[in-house]
Amino acid sequence: GGRMSLTDSLIVAVQTAVSSGVGASVGLEAG
């Protein structure tokens, strides 16, 4: 029903930025 954890979401965003930042071939859209 649209319920999400803000803490987990921010962790995922940082993980995504770091993954792309170190060169991994992933997109930022998920973050």
PDB file of all heavy atoms in Angstrom:
ATOM      1  N   GLY A   1       0.789  -1.222   0.000  1.00  0.00           N
ATOM      2  CA  GLY A   1       0.000   0.000   0.000  1.00  0.00           C
ATOM      3  C   GLY A   1       0.818   1.266   0.000  1.00  0.00           C
ATOM      4  O   GLY A   1       0.381   2.302   0.500  1.00  0.00           O
ATOM      5  N   GLY A   2       2.046   1.222  -0.560  1.00  0.00           N
ATOM      6  CA  GLY A   2       2.909   2.397  -0.632  1.00  0.00           C
ATOM      7  C   GLY A   2       3.789   2.606   0.585  1.00  0.00           C
ATOM      8  O   GLY A   2       4.536   3.584   0.641  1.00  0.00           O
ATOM      9  N   ARG A   3       3.763   1.714   1.554  1.00  0.00           N
ATOM     10  CA  ARG A   3       4.555   1.878   2.776  1.00  0.00           C
ATOM     11  C   ARG A   3       6.004   1.465   2.536  1.00  0.00           C
ATOM     12  O   ARG A   3       6.276   0.361   2.080  1.00  0.00           O
ATOM     13  CB  ARG A   3       3.955   1.057   3.913  1.00  0.00           C
ATOM     14  CG  ARG A   3       2.643   1.610   4.438  1.00  0.00           C
ATOM     15  CD  ARG A   3       1.971   0.619   5.362  1.00  0.00           C
ATOM     16  NE  ARG A   3       1.471  -0.530   4.603  1.00  0.00           N
ATOM     17  CZ  ARG A   3       1.067  -1.672   5.166  1.00  0.00           C
ATOM     18  NH1 ARG A   3       1.131  -1.820   6.479  1.00  0.00           N
ATOM     19  NH2 ARG A   3       0.612  -2.657   4.428  1.00  0.00           N
ATOM     20  N   MET A   4       6.934   2.354   2.831  1.00  0.00           N
ATOM     21  CA  MET A   4       8.359   2.110   2.656  1.00  0.00           C
ATOM     22  C   MET A   4       9.118   2.622   3.864  1.00  0.00           C
ATOM     23  O   MET A   4       8.647   3.529   4.569  1.00  0.00           O
ATOM     24  CB  MET A   4       8.883   2.810   1.391  1.00  0.00           C
ATOM     25  CG  MET A   4       8.247   2.358   0.096  1.00  0.00           C
ATOM     26  SD  MET A   4       8.788   3.342  -1.328  1.00  0.00           S
ATOM     27  CE  MET A   4      10.529   2.900  -1.393  1.00  0.00           C
ATOM     28  N   SER A   5      10.284   2.055   4.086  1.00  0.00           N
ATOM     29  CA  SER A   5      11.160   2.525   5.155  1.00  0.00           C
ATOM     30  C   SER A   5      12.052   3.639   4.618  1.00  0.00           C
ATOM     31  O   SER A   5      12.784   3.440   3.642  1.00  0.00           O
ATOM     32  CB  SER A   5      12.020   1.368   5.665  1.00  0.00           C
ATOM     33  OG  SER A   5      13.127   1.848   6.390  1.00  0.00           O
ATOM     34  N   LEU A   6      12.004   4.804   5.239  1.00  0.00           N
ATOM     35  CA  LEU A   6      12.850   5.917   4.806  1.00  0.00           C
ATOM     36  C   LEU A   6      14.324   5.605   5.043  1.00  0.00           C
ATOM     37  O   LEU A   6      15.174   5.895   4.200  1.00  0.00           O
ATOM     38  CB  LEU A   6      12.447   7.203   5.537  1.00  0.00           C
ATOM     39  CG  LEU A   6      13.286   8.449   5.211  1.00  0.00           C
ATOM     40  CD1 LEU A   6      13.254   8.761   3.724  1.00  0.00           C
ATOM     41  CD2 LEU A   6      12.797   9.639   6.023  1.00  0.00           C
ATOM     42  N   THR A   7      14.633   4.999   6.190  1.00  0.00           N
ATOM     43  CA  THR A   7      16.027   4.668   6.484  1.00  0.00           C
ATOM     44  C   THR A   7      16.599   3.724   5.434  1.00  0.00           C
ATOM     45  O   THR A   7      17.683   3.941   4.882  1.00  0.00           O
ATOM     46  CB  THR A   7      16.142   4.031   7.880  1.00  0.00           C
ATOM     47  OG1 THR A   7      15.651   4.943   8.853  1.00  0.00           O
ATOM     48  CG2 THR A   7      17.588   3.677   8.195  1.00  0.00           C
ATOM     49  N   ASP A   8      15.873   2.637   5.136  1.00  0.00           N
ATOM     50  CA  ASP A   8      16.331   1.695   4.123  1.00  0.00           C
ATOM     51  C   ASP A   8      16.460   2.362   2.761  1.00  0.00           C
ATOM     52  O   ASP A   8      17.380   2.071   1.989  1.00  0.00           O
ATOM     53  CB  ASP A   8      15.363   0.523   4.029  1.00  0.00           C
ATOM     54  CG  ASP A   8      15.531  -0.466   5.168  1.00  0.00           C
ATOM     55  OD1 ASP A   8      16.483  -0.300   5.951  1.00  0.00           O
ATOM     56  OD2 ASP A   8      14.712  -1.391   5.285  1.00  0.00           O
ATOM     57  N   SER A   9      15.532   3.257   2.446  1.00  0.00           N
ATOM     58  CA  SER A   9      15.558   3.930   1.139  1.00  0.00           C
ATOM     59  C   SER A   9      16.801   4.803   0.999  1.00  0.00           C
ATOM     60  O   SER A   9      17.433   4.832  -0.061  1.00  0.00           O
ATOM     61  CB  SER A   9      14.292   4.775   0.959  1.00  0.00           C
ATOM     62  OG  SER A   9      13.142   3.956   0.926  1.00  0.00           O
ATOM     63  N   LEU A  10      17.158   5.519   2.063  1.00  0.00           N
ATOM     64  CA  LEU A  10      18.360   6.347   2.005  1.00  0.00           C
ATOM     65  C   LEU A  10      19.623   5.491   1.908  1.00  0.00           C
ATOM     66  O   LEU A  10      20.579   5.843   1.207  1.00  0.00           O
ATOM     67  CB  LEU A  10      18.416   7.256   3.228  1.00  0.00           C
ATOM     68  CG  LEU A  10      17.310   8.315   3.313  1.00  0.00           C
ATOM     69  CD1 LEU A  10      17.432   9.118   4.609  1.00  0.00           C
ATOM     70  CD2 LEU A  10      17.351   9.252   2.104  1.00  0.00           C
ATOM     71  N   ILE A  11      19.620   4.345   2.586  1.00  0.00           N
ATOM     72  CA  ILE A  11      20.759   3.434   2.478  1.00  0.00           C
ATOM     73  C   ILE A  11      20.910   2.945   1.043  1.00  0.00           C
ATOM     74  O   ILE A  11      22.012   2.906   0.486  1.00  0.00           O
ATOM     75  CB  ILE A  11      20.584   2.240   3.444  1.00  0.00           C
ATOM     76  CG1 ILE A  11      20.715   2.703   4.888  1.00  0.00           C
ATOM     77  CG2 ILE A  11      21.614   1.153   3.139  1.00  0.00           C
ATOM     78  CD1 ILE A  11      20.386   1.626   5.906  1.00  0.00           C
ATOM     79  N   VAL A  12      19.800   2.568   0.418  1.00  0.00           N
ATOM     80  CA  VAL A  12      19.841   2.100  -0.970  1.00  0.00           C
ATOM     81  C   VAL A  12      20.348   3.204  -1.891  1.00  0.00           C
ATOM     82  O   VAL A  12      21.133   2.952  -2.818  1.00  0.00           O
ATOM     83  CB  VAL A  12      18.447   1.613  -1.416  1.00  0.00           C
ATOM     84  CG1 VAL A  12      18.404   1.397  -2.931  1.00  0.00           C
ATOM     85  CG2 VAL A  12      18.095   0.322  -0.705  1.00  0.00           C
ATOM     86  N   ALA A  13      19.906   4.430  -1.666  1.00  0.00           N
ATOM     87  CA  ALA A  13      20.350   5.544  -2.507  1.00  0.00           C
ATOM     88  C   ALA A  13      21.862   5.728  -2.405  1.00  0.00           C
ATOM     89  O   ALA A  13      22.548   5.904  -3.423  1.00  0.00           O
ATOM     90  CB  ALA A  13      19.630   6.828  -2.101  1.00  0.00           C
ATOM     91  N   VAL A  14      22.395   5.681  -1.197  1.00  0.00           N
ATOM     92  CA  VAL A  14      23.842   5.815  -1.021  1.00  0.00           C
ATOM     93  C   VAL A  14      24.565   4.630  -1.650  1.00  0.00           C
ATOM     94  O   VAL A  14      25.591   4.785  -2.323  1.00  0.00           O
ATOM     95  CB  VAL A  14      24.192   5.942   0.475  1.00  0.00           C
ATOM     96  CG1 VAL A  14      25.703   5.902   0.679  1.00  0.00           C
ATOM     97  CG2 VAL A  14      23.617   7.240   1.041  1.00  0.00           C
ATOM     98  N   GLN A  15      24.050   3.424  -1.451  1.00  0.00           N
ATOM     99  CA  GLN A  15      24.656   2.244  -2.063  1.00  0.00           C
ATOM    100  C   GLN A  15      24.704   2.365  -3.579  1.00  0.00           C
ATOM    101  O   GLN A  15      25.704   2.014  -4.220  1.00  0.00           O
ATOM    102  CB  GLN A  15      23.853   0.990  -1.690  1.00  0.00           C
ATOM    103  CG  GLN A  15      24.082   0.466  -0.292  1.00  0.00           C
ATOM    104  CD  GLN A  15      23.321  -0.826  -0.084  1.00  0.00           C
ATOM    105  OE1 GLN A  15      22.116  -0.900  -0.321  1.00  0.00           O
ATOM    106  NE2 GLN A  15      24.024  -1.858   0.346  1.00  0.00           N
ATOM    107  N   THR A  16      23.628   2.857  -4.161  1.00  0.00           N
ATOM    108  CA  THR A  16      23.567   2.992  -5.616  1.00  0.00           C
ATOM    109  C   THR A  16      24.590   4.011  -6.113  1.00  0.00           C
ATOM    110  O   THR A  16      25.296   3.771  -7.099  1.00  0.00           O
ATOM    111  CB  THR A  16      22.155   3.411  -6.054  1.00  0.00           C
ATOM    112  OG1 THR A  16      21.207   2.466  -5.561  1.00  0.00           O
ATOM    113  CG2 THR A  16      22.045   3.487  -7.561  1.00  0.00           C
ATOM    114  N   ALA A  17      24.672   5.146  -5.421  1.00  0.00           N
ATOM    115  CA  ALA A  17      25.637   6.172  -5.818  1.00  0.00           C
ATOM    116  C   ALA A  17      27.069   5.657  -5.685  1.00  0.00           C
ATOM    117  O   ALA A  17      27.918   5.904  -6.552  1.00  0.00           O
ATOM    118  CB  ALA A  17      25.436   7.428  -4.977  1.00  0.00           C
ATOM    119  N   VAL A  18      27.343   4.918  -4.615  1.00  0.00           N
ATOM    120  CA  VAL A  18      28.688   4.377  -4.419  1.00  0.00           C
ATOM    121  C   VAL A  18      28.995   3.317  -5.475  1.00  0.00           C
ATOM    122  O   VAL A  18      30.104   3.275  -6.028  1.00  0.00           O
ATOM    123  CB  VAL A  18      28.833   3.801  -3.001  1.00  0.00           C
ATOM    124  CG1 VAL A  18      30.142   3.030  -2.862  1.00  0.00           C
ATOM    125  CG2 VAL A  18      28.769   4.916  -1.973  1.00  0.00           C
ATOM    126  N   SER A  19      28.032   2.441  -5.762  1.00  0.00           N
ATOM    127  CA  SER A  19      28.247   1.411  -6.785  1.00  0.00           C
ATOM    128  C   SER A  19      28.626   2.029  -8.117  1.00  0.00           C
ATOM    129  O   SER A  19      29.611   1.639  -8.755  1.00  0.00           O
ATOM    130  CB  SER A  19      26.984   0.554  -6.945  1.00  0.00           C
ATOM    131  OG  SER A  19      26.709  -0.188  -5.788  1.00  0.00           O
ATOM    132  N   SER A  20      27.843   3.017  -8.543  1.00  0.00           N
ATOM    133  CA  SER A  20      28.152   3.698  -9.802  1.00  0.00           C
ATOM    134  C   SER A  20      29.435   4.503  -9.670  1.00  0.00           C
ATOM    135  O   SER A  20      30.221   4.604 -10.615  1.00  0.00           O
ATOM    136  CB  SER A  20      26.984   4.607 -10.190  1.00  0.00           C
ATOM    137  OG  SER A  20      27.186   5.188 -11.452  1.00  0.00           O
ATOM    138  N   GLY A  21      29.673   5.059  -8.489  1.00  0.00           N
ATOM    139  CA  GLY A  21      30.860   5.885  -8.271  1.00  0.00           C
ATOM    140  C   GLY A  21      32.159   5.125  -8.386  1.00  0.00           C
ATOM    141  O   GLY A  21      33.180   5.679  -8.821  1.00  0.00           O
ATOM    142  N   VAL A  22      32.173   3.840  -8.008  1.00  0.00           N
ATOM    143  CA  VAL A  22      33.399   3.049  -8.118  1.00  0.00           C
ATOM    144  C   VAL A  22      33.514   2.372  -9.477  1.00  0.00           C
ATOM    145  O   VAL A  22      34.453   1.607  -9.713  1.00  0.00           O
ATOM    146  CB  VAL A  22      33.488   1.999  -6.991  1.00  0.00           C
ATOM    147  CG1 VAL A  22      33.436   2.670  -5.633  1.00  0.00           C
ATOM    148  CG2 VAL A  22      32.404   0.934  -7.130  1.00  0.00           C
ATOM    149  N   GLY A  23      32.554   2.645 -10.378  1.00  0.00           N
ATOM    150  CA  GLY A  23      32.659   2.159 -11.745  1.00  0.00           C
ATOM    151  C   GLY A  23      31.755   1.014 -12.110  1.00  0.00           C
ATOM    152  O   GLY A  23      31.731   0.600 -13.276  1.00  0.00           O
ATOM    153  N   ALA A  24      30.998   0.449 -11.165  1.00  0.00           N
ATOM    154  CA  ALA A  24      30.109  -0.671 -11.493  1.00  0.00           C
ATOM    155  C   ALA A  24      29.116  -0.248 -12.569  1.00  0.00           C
ATOM    156  O   ALA A  24      28.624   0.884 -12.579  1.00  0.00           O
ATOM    157  CB  ALA A  24      29.367  -1.138 -10.248  1.00  0.00           C
ATOM    158  N   SER A  25      28.805  -1.165 -13.463  1.00  0.00           N
ATOM    159  CA  SER A  25      27.968  -0.855 -14.622  1.00  0.00           C
ATOM    160  C   SER A  25      26.491  -0.942 -14.250  1.00  0.00           C
ATOM    161  O   SER A  25      25.752  -1.817 -14.713  1.00  0.00           O
ATOM    162  CB  SER A  25      28.286  -1.816 -15.767  1.00  0.00           C
ATOM    163  OG  SER A  25      27.638  -1.415 -16.951  1.00  0.00           O
ATOM    164  N   VAL A  26      26.069  -0.041 -13.382  1.00  0.00           N
ATOM    165  CA  VAL A  26      24.681   0.007 -12.929  1.00  0.00           C
ATOM    166  C   VAL A  26      24.154   1.429 -13.070  1.00  0.00           C
ATOM    167  O   VAL A  26      24.920   2.396 -13.078  1.00  0.00           O
ATOM    168  CB  VAL A  26      24.547  -0.463 -11.462  1.00  0.00           C
ATOM    169  CG1 VAL A  26      24.890  -1.925 -11.332  1.00  0.00           C
ATOM    170  CG2 VAL A  26      25.426   0.379 -10.537  1.00  0.00           C
ATOM    171  N   GLY A  27      22.837   1.537 -13.148  1.00  0.00           N
ATOM    172  CA  GLY A  27      22.219   2.845 -13.285  1.00  0.00           C
ATOM    173  C   GLY A  27      21.857   3.456 -11.946  1.00  0.00           C
ATOM    174  O   GLY A  27      21.721   2.753 -10.937  1.00  0.00           O
ATOM    175  N   LEU A  28      21.700   4.766 -11.948  1.00  0.00           N
ATOM    176  CA  LEU A  28      21.352   5.496 -10.727  1.00  0.00           C
ATOM    177  C   LEU A  28      19.852   5.585 -10.498  1.00  0.00           C
ATOM    178  O   LEU A  28      19.417   6.030  -9.438  1.00  0.00           O
ATOM    179  CB  LEU A  28      21.927   6.911 -10.793  1.00  0.00           C
ATOM    180  CG  LEU A  28      23.453   7.032 -10.726  1.00  0.00           C
ATOM    181  CD1 LEU A  28      23.881   8.452 -11.069  1.00  0.00           C
ATOM    182  CD2 LEU A  28      23.955   6.659  -9.345  1.00  0.00           C
ATOM    183  N   GLU A  29      19.065   5.174 -11.502  1.00  0.00           N
ATOM    184  CA  GLU A  29      17.619   5.388 -11.398  1.00  0.00           C
ATOM    185  C   GLU A  29      17.018   4.679 -10.187  1.00  0.00           C
ATOM    186  O   GLU A  29      16.059   5.160  -9.584  1.00  0.00           O
ATOM    187  CB  GLU A  29      16.916   4.943 -12.689  1.00  0.00           C
ATOM    188  CG  GLU A  29      16.761   3.451 -12.910  1.00  0.00           C
ATOM    189  CD  GLU A  29      18.047   2.752 -13.285  1.00  0.00           C
ATOM    190  OE1 GLU A  29      19.022   3.439 -13.654  1.00  0.00           O
ATOM    191  OE2 GLU A  29      18.085   1.512 -13.210  1.00  0.00           O
ATOM    192  N   ALA A  30      17.577   3.505  -9.813  1.00  0.00           N
ATOM    193  CA  ALA A  30      17.043   2.795  -8.651  1.00  0.00           C
ATOM    194  C   ALA A  30      17.208   3.622  -7.382  1.00  0.00           C
ATOM    195  O   ALA A  30      16.314   3.670  -6.532  1.00  0.00           O
ATOM    196  CB  ALA A  30      17.742   1.443  -8.503  1.00  0.00           C
ATOM    197  N   GLY A  31      18.350   4.280  -7.247  1.00  0.00           N
ATOM    198  CA  GLY A  31      18.572   5.128  -6.086  1.00  0.00           C
ATOM    199  C   GLY A  31      17.727   6.387  -6.119  1.00  0.00           C
ATOM    200  O   GLY A  31      17.200   6.816  -5.077  1.00  0.00           O
TER     201      GLY A  31
END
